[in-house]
PDB file of N, CA and C in Angstrom:
ATOM      1  N   UNK A   1     157.032  93.223 111.746  1.00  0.00           N
ATOM      2  CA  UNK A   1     157.789  94.708 111.514  1.00  0.00           C
ATOM      3  C   UNK A   1     157.430  95.143 113.045  1.00  0.00           C
ATOM      4  N   UNK A   2     158.263  95.835 113.495  1.00  0.00           N
ATOM      5  CA  UNK A   2     157.860  96.485 114.528  1.00  0.00           C
ATOM      6  C   UNK A   2     157.181  97.773 114.552  1.00  0.00           C
ATOM      7  N   UNK A   3     156.052  97.622 115.009  1.00  0.00           N
ATOM      8  CA  UNK A   3     154.858  99.009 114.335  1.00  0.00           C
ATOM      9  C   UNK A   3     154.104  99.034 115.426  1.00  0.00           C
ATOM     10  N   UNK A   4     153.067 100.150 115.768  1.00  0.00           N
ATOM     11  CA  UNK A   4     152.245 100.057 115.988  1.00  0.00           C
ATOM     12  C   UNK A   4     151.294  99.483 115.517  1.00  0.00           C
ATOM     13  N   UNK A   5     151.156  99.636 114.335  1.00  0.00           N
ATOM     14  CA  UNK A   5     150.322  99.984 112.823  1.00  0.00           C
ATOM     15  C   UNK A   5     150.261  98.239 113.004  1.00  0.00           C
ATOM     16  N   UNK A   6     149.768  97.449 113.750  1.00  0.00           N
ATOM     17  CA  UNK A   6     149.560  96.487 113.118  1.00  0.00           C
ATOM     18  C   UNK A   6     148.781  95.829 112.103  1.00  0.00           C
ATOM     19  N   UNK A   7     147.150  96.660 112.227  1.00  0.00           N
ATOM     20  CA  UNK A   7     146.858  96.518 110.654  1.00  0.00           C
ATOM     21  C   UNK A   7     147.398  97.013 108.984  1.00  0.00           C
ATOM     22  N   UNK A   8     148.951  97.277 109.549  1.00  0.00           N
ATOM     23  CA  UNK A   8     150.072  97.634 108.488  1.00  0.00           C
ATOM     24  C   UNK A   8     149.966  96.843 107.744  1.00  0.00           C
ATOM     25  N   UNK A   9     150.769  96.204 109.142  1.00  0.00           N
ATOM     26  CA  UNK A   9     152.486  94.996 109.134  1.00  0.00           C
ATOM     27  C   UNK A   9     151.925  94.177 108.452  1.00  0.00           C
ATOM     28  N   UNK A  10     151.376  94.119 107.139  1.00  0.00           N
ATOM     29  CA  UNK A  10     151.473  92.512 106.710  1.00  0.00           C
ATOM     30  C   UNK A  10     153.011  92.447 106.044  1.00  0.00           C
ATOM     31  N   UNK A  11     153.911  93.147 105.464  1.00  0.00           N
ATOM     32  CA  UNK A  11     155.252  93.200 104.667  1.00  0.00           C
ATOM     33  C   UNK A  11     154.922  92.757 103.656  1.00  0.00           C
ATOM     34  N   UNK A  12     153.799  92.414 102.843  1.00  0.00           N
ATOM     35  CA  UNK A  12     153.157  92.461 101.305  1.00  0.00           C
ATOM     36  C   UNK A  12     152.424  92.549 100.970  1.00  0.00           C
ATOM     37  N   UNK A  13     152.055  93.228  99.835  1.00  0.00           N
ATOM     38  CA  UNK A  13     150.656  93.596  99.433  1.00  0.00           C
ATOM     39  C   UNK A  13     149.614  93.270  99.118  1.00  0.00           C
ATOM     40  N   UNK A  14     148.464  92.564  99.212  1.00  0.00           N
ATOM     41  CA  UNK A  14     147.628  91.948  98.036  1.00  0.00           C
ATOM     42  C   UNK A  14     147.408  92.539  96.455  1.00  0.00           C
ATOM     43  N   UNK A  15     148.068  91.439  95.728  1.00  0.00           N
ATOM     44  CA  UNK A  15     148.322  92.089  94.242  1.00  0.00           C
ATOM     45  C   UNK A  15     147.808  92.604  93.990  1.00  0.00           C
ATOM     46  N   UNK A  16     146.294  92.131  94.041  1.00  0.00           N
ATOM     47  CA  UNK A  16     145.344  93.097  92.628  1.00  0.00           C
ATOM     48  C   UNK A  16     145.032  94.648  93.097  1.00  0.00           C
ATOM     49  N   UNK A  17     144.993  94.440  94.828  1.00  0.00           N
ATOM     50  CA  UNK A  17     144.779  96.239  95.156  1.00  0.00           C
ATOM     51  C   UNK A  17     146.003  96.532  95.610  1.00  0.00           C
ATOM     52  N   UNK A  18     147.343  96.459  95.407  1.00  0.00           N
ATOM     53  CA  UNK A  18     148.638  96.647  94.831  1.00  0.00           C
ATOM     54  C   UNK A  18     148.722  97.469  93.617  1.00  0.00           C
ATOM     55  N   UNK A  19     147.836  96.488  92.555  1.00  0.00           N
ATOM     56  CA  UNK A  19     147.682  96.954  91.355  1.00  0.00           C
ATOM     57  C   UNK A  19     147.274  98.508  91.390  1.00  0.00           C
ATOM     58  N   UNK A  20     146.004  98.210  91.456  1.00  0.00           N
ATOM     59  CA  UNK A  20     144.717  99.418  91.752  1.00  0.00           C
ATOM     60  C   UNK A  20     145.683 100.623  91.919  1.00  0.00           C
ATOM     61  N   UNK A  21     146.451 101.022  93.372  1.00  0.00           N
ATOM     62  CA  UNK A  21     146.849 101.677  94.351  1.00  0.00           C
ATOM     63  C   UNK A  21     147.540 102.764  93.175  1.00  0.00           C
ATOM     64  N   UNK A  22     148.737 101.364  92.496  1.00  0.00           N
ATOM     65  CA  UNK A  22     149.430 102.014  91.962  1.00  0.00           C
ATOM     66  C   UNK A  22     149.463 103.016  90.763  1.00  0.00           C
ATOM     67  N   UNK A  23     148.291 102.790  90.171  1.00  0.00           N
ATOM     68  CA  UNK A  23     147.922 102.907  89.349  1.00  0.00           C
ATOM     69  C   UNK A  23     146.823 104.837  89.667  1.00  0.00           C
ATOM     70  N   UNK A  24     146.753 104.691  90.526  1.00  0.00           N
ATOM     71  CA  UNK A  24     145.302 105.258  90.850  1.00  0.00           C
ATOM     72  C   UNK A  24     146.040 106.322  91.739  1.00  0.00           C
ATOM     73  N   UNK A  25     147.226 106.124  92.471  1.00  0.00           N
ATOM     74  CA  UNK A  25     147.843 107.142  93.708  1.00  0.00           C
ATOM     75  C   UNK A  25     148.538 107.965  92.889  1.00  0.00           C
ATOM     76  N   UNK A  26     148.745 108.985  93.815  1.00  0.00           N
ATOM     77  CA  UNK A  26     150.071 110.321  93.651  1.00  0.00           C
ATOM     78  C   UNK A  26     151.049 110.585  94.112  1.00  0.00           C
ATOM     79  N   UNK A  27     151.034 109.159  95.179  1.00  0.00           N
ATOM     80  CA  UNK A  27     151.970 109.216  96.289  1.00  0.00           C
ATOM     81  C   UNK A  27     151.710 107.450  97.638  1.00  0.00           C
ATOM     82  N   UNK A  28     153.258 107.494  97.954  1.00  0.00           N
ATOM     83  CA  UNK A  28     153.266 106.436  98.897  1.00  0.00           C
ATOM     84  C   UNK A  28     154.108 107.183 100.213  1.00  0.00           C
ATOM     85  N   UNK A  29     153.464 106.885 101.106  1.00  0.00           N
ATOM     86  CA  UNK A  29     154.508 107.373 102.182  1.00  0.00           C
ATOM     87  C   UNK A  29     154.525 106.410 103.101  1.00  0.00           C
ATOM     88  N   UNK A  30     155.482 106.220 103.592  1.00  0.00           N
ATOM     89  CA  UNK A  30     156.212 105.370 105.372  1.00  0.00           C
ATOM     90  C   UNK A  30     156.949 105.896 106.692  1.00  0.00           C
ATOM     91  N   UNK A  31     155.699 106.192 107.485  1.00  0.00           N
ATOM     92  CA  UNK A  31     156.494 107.170 108.773  1.00  0.00           C
ATOM     93  C   UNK A  31     156.620 105.967 110.040  1.00  0.00           C
ATOM     94  N   UNK A  32     157.430 107.069 110.927  1.00  0.00           N
ATOM     95  CA  UNK A  32     157.344 106.022 112.318  1.00  0.00           C
ATOM     96  C   UNK A  32     156.345 106.268 113.048  1.00  0.00           C
ATOM     97  N   UNK A  33     156.592 105.540 114.078  1.00  0.00           N
ATOM     98  CA  UNK A  33     154.961 105.097 115.138  1.00  0.00           C
ATOM     99  C   UNK A  33     154.447 106.538 115.504  1.00  0.00           C
ATOM    100  N   UNK A  34     155.250 107.479 115.690  1.00  0.00           N
ATOM    101  CA  UNK A  34     154.704 108.477 116.354  1.00  0.00           C
ATOM    102  C   UNK A  34     154.046 109.547 115.500  1.00  0.00           C
ATOM    103  N   UNK A  35     153.693 109.116 114.556  1.00  0.00           N
ATOM    104  CA  UNK A  35     153.507 110.359 113.503  1.00  0.00           C
ATOM    105  C   UNK A  35     151.900 108.512 113.717  1.00  0.00           C
ATOM    106  N   UNK A  36     151.937 108.230 113.691  1.00  0.00           N
ATOM    107  CA  UNK A  36     150.206 107.366 113.904  1.00  0.00           C
ATOM    108  C   UNK A  36     150.031 107.796 115.179  1.00  0.00           C
ATOM    109  N   UNK A  37     150.786 107.695 116.128  1.00  0.00           N
ATOM    110  CA  UNK A  37     149.841 108.430 117.434  1.00  0.00           C
ATOM    111  C   UNK A  37     149.726 109.142 117.696  1.00  0.00           C
ATOM    112  N   UNK A  38     150.547 110.209 117.260  1.00  0.00           N
ATOM    113  CA  UNK A  38     150.102 112.420 116.899  1.00  0.00           C
ATOM    114  C   UNK A  38     148.655 112.195 116.321  1.00  0.00           C
ATOM    115  N   UNK A  39     148.445 111.678 115.150  1.00  0.00           N
ATOM    116  CA  UNK A  39     147.073 111.217 115.085  1.00  0.00           C
ATOM    117  C   UNK A  39     145.971 110.321 115.597  1.00  0.00           C
ATOM    118  N   UNK A  40     146.466 109.854 116.828  1.00  0.00           N
ATOM    119  CA  UNK A  40     145.048 109.917 117.167  1.00  0.00           C
ATOM    120  C   UNK A  40     144.648 110.366 118.254  1.00  0.00           C
ATOM    121  N   UNK A  41     146.115 111.629 119.165  1.00  0.00           N
ATOM    122  CA  UNK A  41     145.267 112.345 119.767  1.00  0.00           C
ATOM    123  C   UNK A  41     145.266 113.401 119.356  1.00  0.00           C
ATOM    124  N   UNK A  42     145.763 113.510 118.296  1.00  0.00           N
ATOM    125  CA  UNK A  42     144.710 114.444 117.021  1.00  0.00           C
ATOM    126  C   UNK A  42     143.561 114.526 117.365  1.00  0.00           C
ATOM    127  N   UNK A  43     142.689 113.458 116.529  1.00  0.00           N
ATOM    128  CA  UNK A  43     141.685 112.921 116.149  1.00  0.00           C
ATOM    129  C   UNK A  43     140.666 112.629 117.154  1.00  0.00           C
ATOM    130  N   UNK A  44     141.273 112.548 118.796  1.00  0.00           N
ATOM    131  CA  UNK A  44     140.570 112.433 119.922  1.00  0.00           C
ATOM    132  C   UNK A  44     140.535 112.927 121.331  1.00  0.00           C
ATOM    133  N   UNK A  45     140.827 114.522 120.448  1.00  0.00           N
ATOM    134  CA  UNK A  45     141.302 116.313 120.550  1.00  0.00           C
ATOM    135  C   UNK A  45     141.012 117.004 120.458  1.00  0.00           C
ATOM    136  N   UNK A  46     140.469 117.133 119.598  1.00  0.00           N
ATOM    137  CA  UNK A  46     139.617 117.978 118.071  1.00  0.00           C
ATOM    138  C   UNK A  46     139.649 119.636 119.007  1.00  0.00           C
ATOM    139  N   UNK A  47     139.423 119.834 117.548  1.00  0.00           N
ATOM    140  CA  UNK A  47     138.952 121.653 118.229  1.00  0.00           C
ATOM    141  C   UNK A  47     138.632 122.501 118.071  1.00  0.00           C
ATOM    142  N   UNK A  48     137.410 122.968 119.210  1.00  0.00           N
ATOM    143  CA  UNK A  48     135.851 124.008 118.572  1.00  0.00           C
ATOM    144  C   UNK A  48     134.857 122.850 118.691  1.00  0.00           C
ATOM    145  N   UNK A  49     134.141 122.687 117.962  1.00  0.00           N
ATOM    146  CA  UNK A  49     133.125 121.690 117.725  1.00  0.00           C
ATOM    147  C   UNK A  49     132.858 120.594 116.989  1.00  0.00           C
ATOM    148  N   UNK A  50     134.847 120.182 116.443  1.00  0.00           N
ATOM    149  CA  UNK A  50     134.677 119.380 115.297  1.00  0.00           C
ATOM    150  C   UNK A  50     134.347 117.981 116.448  1.00  0.00           C
ATOM    151  N   UNK A  51     133.506 116.877 115.872  1.00  0.00           N
ATOM    152  CA  UNK A  51     133.471 115.301 116.847  1.00  0.00           C
ATOM    153  C   UNK A  51     134.699 114.855 116.895  1.00  0.00           C
ATOM    154  N   UNK A  52     135.115 114.547 118.356  1.00  0.00           N
ATOM    155  CA  UNK A  52     135.738 113.558 118.343  1.00  0.00           C
ATOM    156  C   UNK A  52     135.701 112.116 117.823  1.00  0.00           C
ATOM    157  N   UNK A  53     137.064 111.930 117.409  1.00  0.00           N
ATOM    158  CA  UNK A  53     137.109 110.192 116.702  1.00  0.00           C
ATOM    159  C   UNK A  53     138.216 109.369 117.984  1.00  0.00           C
ATOM    160  N   UNK A  54     137.402 108.664 118.166  1.00  0.00           N
ATOM    161  CA  UNK A  54     138.735 107.309 118.516  1.00  0.00           C
ATOM    162  C   UNK A  54     139.226 106.502 117.424  1.00  0.00           C
ATOM    163  N   UNK A  55     140.086 106.431 117.480  1.00  0.00           N
ATOM    164  CA  UNK A  55     140.663 105.923 116.257  1.00  0.00           C
ATOM    165  C   UNK A  55     141.985 104.851 116.624  1.00  0.00           C
ATOM    166  N   UNK A  56     142.275 103.795 116.321  1.00  0.00           N
ATOM    167  CA  UNK A  56     143.288 103.107 116.557  1.00  0.00           C
ATOM    168  C   UNK A  56     144.877 103.413 115.043  1.00  0.00           C
ATOM    169  N   UNK A  57     146.176 102.901 115.800  1.00  0.00           N
ATOM    170  CA  UNK A  57     146.978 103.230 115.335  1.00  0.00           C
ATOM    171  C   UNK A  57     146.999 103.121 113.262  1.00  0.00           C
ATOM    172  N   UNK A  58     146.168 102.189 112.914  1.00  0.00           N
ATOM    173  CA  UNK A  58     146.370 102.050 111.682  1.00  0.00           C
ATOM    174  C   UNK A  58     145.962 102.932 110.752  1.00  0.00           C
ATOM    175  N   UNK A  59     144.546 103.388 111.305  1.00  0.00           N
ATOM    176  CA  UNK A  59     143.650 104.451 110.543  1.00  0.00           C
ATOM    177  C   UNK A  59     143.935 105.589 110.860  1.00  0.00           C
ATOM    178  N   UNK A  60     144.567 105.927 112.037  1.00  0.00           N
ATOM    179  CA  UNK A  60     144.951 107.803 112.653  1.00  0.00           C
ATOM    180  C   UNK A  60     145.750 108.385 112.009  1.00  0.00           C
ATOM    181  N   UNK A  61     147.184 107.136 111.216  1.00  0.00           N
ATOM    182  CA  UNK A  61     148.492 107.508 110.545  1.00  0.00           C
ATOM    183  C   UNK A  61     147.563 108.201 109.434  1.00  0.00           C
ATOM    184  N   UNK A  62     146.717 108.607 109.380  1.00  0.00           N
ATOM    185  CA  UNK A  62     146.321 109.263 108.089  1.00  0.00           C
ATOM    186  C   UNK A  62     146.298 110.886 108.529  1.00  0.00           C
ATOM    187  N   UNK A  63     145.690 111.062 109.735  1.00  0.00           N
ATOM    188  CA  UNK A  63     145.393 112.069 109.933  1.00  0.00           C
ATOM    189  C   UNK A  63     146.380 112.904 110.471  1.00  0.00           C
ATOM    190  N   UNK A  64     147.620 111.941 110.966  1.00  0.00           N
ATOM    191  CA  UNK A  64     149.039 112.796 111.601  1.00  0.00           C
ATOM    192  C   UNK A  64     149.843 112.853 110.518  1.00  0.00           C
ATOM    193  N   UNK A  65     149.656 111.372 109.243  1.00  0.00           N
ATOM    194  CA  UNK A  65     150.852 112.151 108.557  1.00  0.00           C
ATOM    195  C   UNK A  65     150.175 113.466 107.531  1.00  0.00           C
ATOM    196  N   UNK A  66     149.106 113.670 107.736  1.00  0.00           N
ATOM    197  CA  UNK A  66     148.382 114.631 107.218  1.00  0.00           C
ATOM    198  C   UNK A  66     148.719 116.609 107.885  1.00  0.00           C
ATOM    199  N   UNK A  67     148.378 115.884 108.609  1.00  0.00           N
ATOM    200  CA  UNK A  67     149.418 117.357 110.047  1.00  0.00           C
ATOM    201  C   UNK A  67     150.322 117.501 109.576  1.00  0.00           C
ATOM    202  N   UNK A  68     151.886 116.149 109.848  1.00  0.00           N
ATOM    203  CA  UNK A  68     153.045 116.133 109.261  1.00  0.00           C
ATOM    204  C   UNK A  68     153.096 116.699 108.025  1.00  0.00           C
ATOM    205  N   UNK A  69     152.586 116.483 107.420  1.00  0.00           N
ATOM    206  CA  UNK A  69     152.872 117.194 106.128  1.00  0.00           C
ATOM    207  C   UNK A  69     152.447 119.300 105.736  1.00  0.00           C
ATOM    208  N   UNK A  70     151.628 119.228 106.598  1.00  0.00           N
ATOM    209  CA  UNK A  70     151.181 120.375 106.757  1.00  0.00           C
ATOM    210  C   UNK A  70     152.448 120.926 107.572  1.00  0.00           C
ATOM    211  N   UNK A  71     152.360 120.777 108.593  1.00  0.00           N
ATOM    212  CA  UNK A  71     153.237 121.442 109.763  1.00  0.00           C
ATOM    213  C   UNK A  71     154.728 121.101 109.275  1.00  0.00           C
ATOM    214  N   UNK A  72     155.428 120.763 109.254  1.00  0.00           N
ATOM    215  CA  UNK A  72     156.752 119.713 108.916  1.00  0.00           C
ATOM    216  C   UNK A  72     157.514 120.833 107.531  1.00  0.00           C
ATOM    217  N   UNK A  73     158.482 121.481 107.378  1.00  0.00           N
ATOM    218  CA  UNK A  73     158.996 122.285 106.844  1.00  0.00           C
ATOM    219  C   UNK A  73     159.747 121.257 106.095  1.00  0.00           C
ATOM    220  N   UNK A  74     160.800 119.741 106.450  1.00  0.00           N
ATOM    221  CA  UNK A  74     160.735 119.416 106.003  1.00  0.00           C
ATOM    222  C   UNK A  74     160.005 118.281 104.833  1.00  0.00           C
ATOM    223  N   UNK A  75     158.658 118.341 105.065  1.00  0.00           N
ATOM    224  CA  UNK A  75     157.852 118.038 104.255  1.00  0.00           C
ATOM    225  C   UNK A  75     157.458 118.888 103.110  1.00  0.00           C
ATOM    226  N   UNK A  76     158.060 119.553 103.168  1.00  0.00           N
ATOM    227  CA  UNK A  76     157.018 120.741 101.752  1.00  0.00           C
ATOM    228  C   UNK A  76     157.472 120.618 100.592  1.00  0.00           C
ATOM    229  N   UNK A  77     158.613 119.843 100.774  1.00  0.00           N
ATOM    230  CA  UNK A  77     158.328 119.131  99.193  1.00  0.00           C
ATOM    231  C   UNK A  77     156.840 118.779  98.523  1.00  0.00           C
ATOM    232  N   UNK A  78     156.713 117.641  99.290  1.00  0.00           N
ATOM    233  CA  UNK A  78     155.598 116.549  99.308  1.00  0.00           C
ATOM    234  C   UNK A  78     153.755 117.433  99.906  1.00  0.00           C
ATOM    235  N   UNK A  79     154.107 118.191 100.630  1.00  0.00           N
ATOM    236  CA  UNK A  79     152.959 119.554 100.422  1.00  0.00           C
ATOM    237  C   UNK A  79     153.060 120.353  99.117  1.00  0.00           C
ATOM    238  N   UNK A  80     153.554 120.298  99.008  1.00  0.00           N
ATOM    239  CA  UNK A  80     153.513 121.349  97.541  1.00  0.00           C
ATOM    240  C   UNK A  80     153.116 120.181  96.065  1.00  0.00           C
ATOM    241  N   UNK A  81     153.497 119.410  95.824  1.00  0.00           N
ATOM    242  CA  UNK A  81     153.516 117.576  95.000  1.00  0.00           C
ATOM    243  C   UNK A  81     151.855 117.643  95.168  1.00  0.00           C
ATOM    244  N   UNK A  82     151.526 117.498  96.283  1.00  0.00           N
ATOM    245  CA  UNK A  82     150.208 117.279  96.680  1.00  0.00           C
ATOM    246  C   UNK A  82     148.869 118.933  96.234  1.00  0.00           C
ATOM    247  N   UNK A  83     149.492 119.794  96.326  1.00  0.00           N
ATOM    248  CA  UNK A  83     148.983 120.978  96.399  1.00  0.00           C
ATOM    249  C   UNK A  83     148.237 121.062  97.433  1.00  0.00           C
ATOM    250  N   UNK A  84     148.516 121.109  98.718  1.00  0.00           N
ATOM    251  CA  UNK A  84     147.919 120.795  99.787  1.00  0.00           C
ATOM    252  C   UNK A  84     148.006 122.510 100.402  1.00  0.00           C
ATOM    253  N   UNK A  85     147.266 123.273 101.002  1.00  0.00           N
ATOM    254  CA  UNK A  85     147.653 124.603 101.465  1.00  0.00           C
ATOM    255  C   UNK A  85     146.264 124.726 102.789  1.00  0.00           C
ATOM    256  N   UNK A  86     146.619 125.603 102.949  1.00  0.00           N
ATOM    257  CA  UNK A  86     144.914 125.974 104.611  1.00  0.00           C
ATOM    258  C   UNK A  86     143.911 126.124 103.545  1.00  0.00           C
ATOM    259  N   UNK A  87     143.602 125.915 102.083  1.00  0.00           N
ATOM    260  CA  UNK A  87     141.760 126.382 101.471  1.00  0.00           C
ATOM    261  C   UNK A  87     141.823 124.149 101.341  1.00  0.00           C
ATOM    262  N   UNK A  88     142.784 124.188 101.798  1.00  0.00           N
ATOM    263  CA  UNK A  88     141.978 122.472 101.049  1.00  0.00           C
ATOM    264  C   UNK A  88     141.241 121.479 102.163  1.00  0.00           C
ATOM    265  N   UNK A  89     141.041 120.400 100.428  1.00  0.00           N
ATOM    266  CA  UNK A  89     139.417 120.228 101.843  1.00  0.00           C
ATOM    267  C   UNK A  89     139.979 118.179 101.159  1.00  0.00           C
ATOM    268  N   UNK A  90     140.898 117.569 102.501  1.00  0.00           N
ATOM    269  CA  UNK A  90     141.260 116.497 102.051  1.00  0.00           C
ATOM    270  C   UNK A  90     140.158 115.194 103.161  1.00  0.00           C
ATOM    271  N   UNK A  91     139.847 114.710 102.232  1.00  0.00           N
ATOM    272  CA  UNK A  91     139.155 113.126 102.448  1.00  0.00           C
ATOM    273  C   UNK A  91     140.159 111.975 103.562  1.00  0.00           C
ATOM    274  N   UNK A  92     139.359 111.712 104.632  1.00  0.00           N
ATOM    275  CA  UNK A  92     140.444 110.777 104.924  1.00  0.00           C
ATOM    276  C   UNK A  92     139.116 109.593 105.371  1.00  0.00           C
ATOM    277  N   UNK A  93     139.969 108.635 105.211  1.00  0.00           N
ATOM    278  CA  UNK A  93     138.841 107.018 105.833  1.00  0.00           C
ATOM    279  C   UNK A  93     139.045 106.703 107.306  1.00  0.00           C
ATOM    280  N   UNK A  94     138.911 106.321 108.052  1.00  0.00           N
ATOM    281  CA  UNK A  94     139.156 105.309 109.361  1.00  0.00           C
ATOM    282  C   UNK A  94     138.959 104.489 109.430  1.00  0.00           C
ATOM    283  N   UNK A  95     139.413 103.235 109.203  1.00  0.00           N
ATOM    284  CA  UNK A  95     138.370 102.078 109.258  1.00  0.00           C
ATOM    285  C   UNK A  95     138.618 100.525 110.796  1.00  0.00           C
ATOM    286  N   UNK A  96     139.133 102.157 111.671  1.00  0.00           N
ATOM    287  CA  UNK A  96     139.973 101.043 112.859  1.00  0.00           C
ATOM    288  C   UNK A  96     139.599 102.130 113.863  1.00  0.00           C
ATOM    289  N   UNK A  97     138.955 101.443 115.239  1.00  0.00           N
ATOM    290  CA  UNK A  97     138.720 102.469 116.720  1.00  0.00           C
ATOM    291  C   UNK A  97     139.686 101.661 117.351  1.00  0.00           C
ATOM    292  N   UNK A  98     138.674 101.889 118.556  1.00  0.00           N
ATOM    293  CA  UNK A  98     139.774 101.511 119.626  1.00  0.00           C
ATOM    294  C   UNK A  98     139.904 100.095 119.318  1.00  0.00           C
ATOM    295  N   UNK A  99     140.981  98.846 119.138  1.00  0.00           N
ATOM    296  CA  UNK A  99     141.185  97.473 119.296  1.00  0.00           C
ATOM    297  C   UNK A  99     141.563  97.308 120.754  1.00  0.00           C
ATOM    298  N   UNK A 100     142.383  98.303 121.209  1.00  0.00           N
ATOM    299  CA  UNK A 100     143.044  97.573 122.227  1.00  0.00           C
ATOM    300  C   UNK A 100     143.012  98.995 122.801  1.00  0.00           C
ATOM    301  N   UNK A 101     142.350  98.756 124.000  1.00  0.00           N
ATOM    302  CA  UNK A 101     141.783 100.114 125.081  1.00  0.00           C
ATOM    303  C   UNK A 101     142.988 100.460 125.764  1.00  0.00           C
ATOM    304  N   UNK A 102     143.576  99.385 126.825  1.00  0.00           N
ATOM    305  CA  UNK A 102     145.020  99.915 127.327  1.00  0.00           C
ATOM    306  C   UNK A 102     145.771 100.374 126.500  1.00  0.00           C
ATOM    307  N   UNK A 103     146.666 100.260 125.034  1.00  0.00           N
ATOM    308  CA  UNK A 103     147.156 100.721 124.165  1.00  0.00           C
ATOM    309  C   UNK A 103     146.786 102.506 123.663  1.00  0.00           C
ATOM    310  N   UNK A 104     145.405 102.040 123.488  1.00  0.00           N
ATOM    311  CA  UNK A 104     144.631 103.381 122.944  1.00  0.00           C
ATOM    312  C   UNK A 104     145.319 104.857 124.185  1.00  0.00           C
ATOM    313  N   UNK A 105     144.782 103.875 125.575  1.00  0.00           N
ATOM    314  CA  UNK A 105     145.293 105.122 126.739  1.00  0.00           C
ATOM    315  C   UNK A 105     146.551 105.452 126.700  1.00  0.00           C
ATOM    316  N   UNK A 106     148.116 104.335 126.743  1.00  0.00           N
ATOM    317  CA  UNK A 106     148.881 104.939 126.969  1.00  0.00           C
ATOM    318  C   UNK A 106     149.354 105.761 125.707  1.00  0.00           C
ATOM    319  N   UNK A 107     148.809 105.493 124.301  1.00  0.00           N
ATOM    320  CA  UNK A 107     149.366 106.997 123.265  1.00  0.00           C
ATOM    321  C   UNK A 107     148.939 107.857 123.823  1.00  0.00           C
ATOM    322  N   UNK A 108     147.548 108.060 124.048  1.00  0.00           N
ATOM    323  CA  UNK A 108     146.479 109.235 124.198  1.00  0.00           C
ATOM    324  C   UNK A 108     146.618 110.178 125.533  1.00  0.00           C
ATOM    325  N   UNK A 109     146.520 109.424 126.294  1.00  0.00           N
ATOM    326  CA  UNK A 109     146.365 109.718 127.602  1.00  0.00           C
ATOM    327  C   UNK A 109     148.264 109.874 128.303  1.00  0.00           C
ATOM    328  N   UNK A 110     149.046 108.817 127.746  1.00  0.00           N
ATOM    329  CA  UNK A 110     150.375 108.985 128.415  1.00  0.00           C
ATOM    330  C   UNK A 110     151.478 109.680 127.680  1.00  0.00           C
ATOM    331  N   UNK A 111     150.633 109.821 126.581  1.00  0.00           N
ATOM    332  CA  UNK A 111     151.808 110.329 125.725  1.00  0.00           C
ATOM    333  C   UNK A 111     152.729 109.229 125.112  1.00  0.00           C
ATOM    334  N   UNK A 112     152.484 107.943 125.046  1.00  0.00           N
ATOM    335  CA  UNK A 112     153.189 106.991 125.057  1.00  0.00           C
ATOM    336  C   UNK A 112     153.660 107.510 122.624  1.00  0.00           C
ATOM    337  N   UNK A 113     154.839 106.843 122.753  1.00  0.00           N
ATOM    338  CA  UNK A 113     155.047 107.347 120.951  1.00  0.00           C
ATOM    339  C   UNK A 113     154.845 108.608 120.928  1.00  0.00           C
ATOM    340  N   UNK A 114     155.588 110.028 121.548  1.00  0.00           N
ATOM    341  CA  UNK A 114     155.568 110.984 120.419  1.00  0.00           C
ATOM    342  C   UNK A 114     156.689 111.206 119.975  1.00  0.00           C
ATOM    343  N   UNK A 115     156.522 111.987 119.369  1.00  0.00           N
ATOM    344  CA  UNK A 115     157.998 112.154 118.525  1.00  0.00           C
ATOM    345  C   UNK A 115     159.026 112.773 119.231  1.00  0.00           C
ATOM    346  N   UNK A 116     159.075 113.067 120.456  1.00  0.00           N
ATOM    347  CA  UNK A 116     159.878 113.277 121.095  1.00  0.00           C
ATOM    348  C   UNK A 116     160.419 112.338 121.981  1.00  0.00           C
ATOM    349  N   UNK A 117     159.543 111.796 122.463  1.00  0.00           N
ATOM    350  CA  UNK A 117     159.958 110.319 123.139  1.00  0.00           C
ATOM    351  C   UNK A 117     161.311 109.685 121.702  1.00  0.00           C
ATOM    352  N   UNK A 118     160.709 109.512 121.319  1.00  0.00           N
ATOM    353  CA  UNK A 118     161.340 108.722 119.948  1.00  0.00           C
ATOM    354  C   UNK A 118     162.530 109.143 119.139  1.00  0.00           C
ATOM    355  N   UNK A 119     162.692 110.643 119.698  1.00  0.00           N
ATOM    356  CA  UNK A 119     163.856 111.515 118.936  1.00  0.00           C
ATOM    357  C   UNK A 119     165.060 110.723 120.209  1.00  0.00           C
ATOM    358  N   UNK A 120     164.395 111.480 121.534  1.00  0.00           N
ATOM    359  CA  UNK A 120     165.022 111.297 122.457  1.00  0.00           C
ATOM    360  C   UNK A 120     165.921 109.634 122.859  1.00  0.00           C
ATOM    361  N   UNK A 121     164.812 108.504 122.424  1.00  0.00           N
ATOM    362  CA  UNK A 121     165.309 107.419 122.265  1.00  0.00           C
ATOM    363  C   UNK A 121     166.187 106.801 121.043  1.00  0.00           C
ATOM    364  N   UNK A 122     166.059 107.583 119.875  1.00  0.00           N
ATOM    365  CA  UNK A 122     167.572 107.802 119.542  1.00  0.00           C
ATOM    366  C   UNK A 122     168.677 108.006 119.583  1.00  0.00           C
ATOM    367  N   UNK A 123     168.698 109.717 120.052  1.00  0.00           N
ATOM    368  CA  UNK A 123     169.762 109.880 120.123  1.00  0.00           C
ATOM    369  C   UNK A 123     170.140 109.483 121.545  1.00  0.00           C
ATOM    370  N   UNK A 124     169.515 108.814 122.357  1.00  0.00           N
ATOM    371  CA  UNK A 124     170.506 107.615 123.503  1.00  0.00           C
ATOM    372  C   UNK A 124     171.032 106.089 122.873  1.00  0.00           C
ATOM    373  N   UNK A 125     170.425 105.990 122.009  1.00  0.00           N
ATOM    374  CA  UNK A 125     171.284 104.872 121.145  1.00  0.00           C
ATOM    375  C   UNK A 125     172.339 104.908 120.622  1.00  0.00           C
ATOM    376  N   UNK A 126     172.157 106.389 120.016  1.00  0.00           N
ATOM    377  CA  UNK A 126     174.264 106.935 119.514  1.00  0.00           C
ATOM    378  C   UNK A 126     174.913 107.952 119.858  1.00  0.00           C
TER     379      UNK A 126
END
């Protein structure tokens, strides 16, 4: 699988884990790399007094997806289905730190995998 989220690129889920997730999850989402990169930048550069979280791609994708759901009008159906609004409290679990310091720096400092860069690459191919 061609993705920066190596920890999630296993191709086939564990049957026992998948059965539990299937029973107790409201939704499953697949997303492009820029969502994970956005989550890394978001967690690494918090607002106000929030603590900085150094996160790898596979863990930061949850924060990036939550941001996308809350801000992208095209995802308003997901936001509505999950009952999310500005008063919601969401618990995210981050199980991966900076496992690739050079990759982390490319994403967080240099802007690799930004939604704008990926969109530009897409339009350059078409």
